[in-house]
C-alpha atoms as a PDB file:
ATOM      1  CA  UNK A   1       0.000   0.000   0.000  1.00  0.00           C
ATOM      2  CA  UNK A   2       1.395   3.378  -1.049  1.00  0.00           C
ATOM      3  CA  UNK A   3       1.460   6.145   1.523  1.00  0.00           C
ATOM      4  CA  UNK A   4       0.075   9.521   0.505  1.00  0.00           C
ATOM      5  CA  UNK A   5       2.573  12.208   1.616  1.00  0.00           C
ATOM      6  CA  UNK A   6      -0.095  14.927   1.573  1.00  0.00           C
ATOM      7  CA  UNK A   7      -2.357  12.842   3.823  1.00  0.00           C
ATOM      8  CA  UNK A   8       0.538  12.200   6.205  1.00  0.00           C
ATOM      9  CA  UNK A   9       1.333  15.942   6.314  1.00  0.00           C
ATOM     10  CA  UNK A  10      -2.344  16.664   6.975  1.00  0.00           C
ATOM     11  CA  UNK A  11      -2.464  14.210   9.883  1.00  0.00           C
ATOM     12  CA  UNK A  12       0.718  15.686  11.377  1.00  0.00           C
ATOM     13  CA  UNK A  13      -0.728  19.184  11.017  1.00  0.00           C
ATOM     14  CA  UNK A  14      -3.968  18.059  12.656  1.00  0.00           C
ATOM     15  CA  UNK A  15      -2.005  16.688  15.604  1.00  0.00           C
ATOM     16  CA  UNK A  16      -0.060  19.958  15.932  1.00  0.00           C
ATOM     17  CA  UNK A  17      -3.276  21.994  15.873  1.00  0.00           C
ATOM     18  CA  UNK A  18      -4.752  19.786  18.588  1.00  0.00           C
ATOM     19  CA  UNK A  19      -1.607  20.186  20.711  1.00  0.00           C
ATOM     20  CA  UNK A  20      -1.642  23.970  20.262  1.00  0.00           C
ATOM     21  CA  UNK A  21      -5.314  24.240  21.175  1.00  0.00           C
ATOM     22  CA  UNK A  22      -4.709  22.037  24.206  1.00  0.00           C
ATOM     23  CA  UNK A  23      -1.894  24.391  25.238  1.00  0.00           C
ATOM     24  CA  UNK A  24      -4.235  27.370  25.001  1.00  0.00           C
ATOM     25  CA  UNK A  25      -6.883  25.492  26.977  1.00  0.00           C
ATOM     26  CA  UNK A  26      -4.300  24.546  29.620  1.00  0.00           C
ATOM     27  CA  UNK A  27      -3.339  28.238  30.021  1.00  0.00           C
ATOM     28  CA  UNK A  28      -6.967  29.073  30.630  1.00  0.00           C
ATOM     29  CA  UNK A  29      -7.452  26.165  33.044  1.00  0.00           C
ATOM     30  CA  UNK A  30      -4.634  27.627  35.147  1.00  0.00           C
ATOM     31  CA  UNK A  31      -6.568  30.883  35.295  1.00  0.00           C
ATOM     32  CA  UNK A  32      -9.755  29.013  36.240  1.00  0.00           C
ATOM     33  CA  UNK A  33      -7.873  27.283  39.061  1.00  0.00           C
ATOM     34  CA  UNK A  34      -6.725  30.689  40.323  1.00  0.00           C
ATOM     35  CA  UNK A  35     -10.231  32.144  40.119  1.00  0.00           C
ATOM     36  CA  UNK A  36      -9.443  34.666  37.374  1.00  0.00           C
ATOM     37  CA  UNK A  37     -12.052  33.207  35.005  1.00  0.00           C
ATOM     38  CA  UNK A  38     -14.683  30.522  35.209  1.00  0.00           C
ATOM     39  CA  UNK A  39     -15.619  27.676  32.909  1.00  0.00           C
ATOM     40  CA  UNK A  40     -18.315  29.824  31.296  1.00  0.00           C
ATOM     41  CA  UNK A  41     -15.744  32.316  30.005  1.00  0.00           C
ATOM     42  CA  UNK A  42     -15.946  33.128  26.294  1.00  0.00           C
ATOM     43  CA  UNK A  43     -12.253  32.411  25.611  1.00  0.00           C
ATOM     44  CA  UNK A  44     -12.393  29.065  27.381  1.00  0.00           C
ATOM     45  CA  UNK A  45     -15.527  28.021  25.514  1.00  0.00           C
ATOM     46  CA  UNK A  46     -13.987  29.077  22.203  1.00  0.00           C
ATOM     47  CA  UNK A  47     -10.962  26.894  22.967  1.00  0.00           C
ATOM     48  CA  UNK A  48     -13.264  23.950  23.682  1.00  0.00           C
ATOM     49  CA  UNK A  49     -15.233  24.548  20.482  1.00  0.00           C
ATOM     50  CA  UNK A  50     -12.077  24.732  18.382  1.00  0.00           C
ATOM     51  CA  UNK A  51     -10.756  21.531  19.950  1.00  0.00           C
ATOM     52  CA  UNK A  52     -13.995  19.810  19.016  1.00  0.00           C
ATOM     53  CA  UNK A  53     -13.818  21.187  15.466  1.00  0.00           C
ATOM     54  CA  UNK A  54     -10.191  20.059  15.179  1.00  0.00           C
ATOM     55  CA  UNK A  55     -11.195  16.489  15.923  1.00  0.00           C
ATOM     56  CA  UNK A  56     -13.553  16.291  12.948  1.00  0.00           C
ATOM     57  CA  UNK A  57     -11.793  18.268  10.211  1.00  0.00           C
ATOM     58  CA  UNK A  58     -11.040  16.165   7.188  1.00  0.00           C
ATOM     59  CA  UNK A  59      -9.192  18.307   4.664  1.00  0.00           C
ATOM     60  CA  UNK A  60      -6.734  21.153   4.272  1.00  0.00           C
ATOM     61  CA  UNK A  61      -9.360  23.779   3.485  1.00  0.00           C
ATOM     62  CA  UNK A  62     -11.110  23.100   6.789  1.00  0.00           C
ATOM     63  CA  UNK A  63      -7.722  23.002   8.534  1.00  0.00           C
ATOM     64  CA  UNK A  64      -6.730  26.419   7.203  1.00  0.00           C
ATOM     65  CA  UNK A  65     -10.039  27.920   8.364  1.00  0.00           C
ATOM     66  CA  UNK A  66      -9.592  26.370  11.804  1.00  0.00           C
ATOM     67  CA  UNK A  67      -6.000  27.614  12.074  1.00  0.00           C
ATOM     68  CA  UNK A  68      -7.130  31.158  11.258  1.00  0.00           C
ATOM     69  CA  UNK A  69      -9.697  30.997  14.064  1.00  0.00           C
ATOM     70  CA  UNK A  70      -7.170  29.383  16.423  1.00  0.00           C
ATOM     71  CA  UNK A  71      -4.570  32.092  15.767  1.00  0.00           C
ATOM     72  CA  UNK A  72      -7.175  34.723  16.633  1.00  0.00           C
ATOM     73  CA  UNK A  73      -7.950  32.878  19.856  1.00  0.00           C
ATOM     74  CA  UNK A  74      -4.223  32.602  20.637  1.00  0.00           C
ATOM     75  CA  UNK A  75      -3.847  36.374  20.237  1.00  0.00           C
ATOM     76  CA  UNK A  76      -6.945  37.112  22.327  1.00  0.00           C
ATOM     77  CA  UNK A  77      -5.738  34.824  25.110  1.00  0.00           C
ATOM     78  CA  UNK A  78      -2.243  36.340  25.016  1.00  0.00           C
ATOM     79  CA  UNK A  79      -3.694  39.844  25.369  1.00  0.00           C
ATOM     80  CA  UNK A  80      -5.987  38.741  28.197  1.00  0.00           C
ATOM     81  CA  UNK A  81      -3.115  36.999  30.001  1.00  0.00           C
ATOM     82  CA  UNK A  82      -0.844  40.029  29.672  1.00  0.00           C
ATOM     83  CA  UNK A  83      -3.571  42.259  31.111  1.00  0.00           C
ATOM     84  CA  UNK A  84      -3.521  39.980  34.170  1.00  0.00           C
ATOM     85  CA  UNK A  85       0.266  39.917  34.505  1.00  0.00           C
ATOM     86  CA  UNK A  86       0.651  36.484  32.950  1.00  0.00           C
ATOM     87  CA  UNK A  87       2.892  35.284  30.167  1.00  0.00           C
ATOM     88  CA  UNK A  88       1.798  33.304  27.151  1.00  0.00           C
ATOM     89  CA  UNK A  89       3.678  31.106  24.748  1.00  0.00           C
ATOM     90  CA  UNK A  90       4.029  31.722  21.047  1.00  0.00           C
ATOM     91  CA  UNK A  91       2.749  28.727  19.137  1.00  0.00           C
ATOM     92  CA  UNK A  92       3.899  27.504  15.745  1.00  0.00           C
ATOM     93  CA  UNK A  93       1.014  26.657  13.449  1.00  0.00           C
ATOM     94  CA  UNK A  94       1.293  24.250  10.518  1.00  0.00           C
ATOM     95  CA  UNK A  95       1.105  25.431   6.937  1.00  0.00           C
ATOM     96  CA  UNK A  96      -0.094  23.617   3.885  1.00  0.00           C
ATOM     97  CA  UNK A  97       2.664  22.497   1.557  1.00  0.00           C
ATOM     98  CA  UNK A  98       2.217  23.607  -2.015  1.00  0.00           C
END
């Protein structure tokens, strides 16, 4: 059976997106534990929604749309964290090979 390099790259990218979204979620969970936000917070719920979407995406077009939304969330969380004296990490997002 021949392996499809584009499919393999897609699956690796999907795993990276899931890891990045989990990192964002983990940052927010730390804030929940400290009482800065609760589980009904908009940013936290957006992270959960994106994680759910990431599990079901099936092609690069959907992946690129999800990454755009995830980058926006990453920026929003970074701004929110900095306003509360917290640091954030800069995440590397996958790109489609041409």
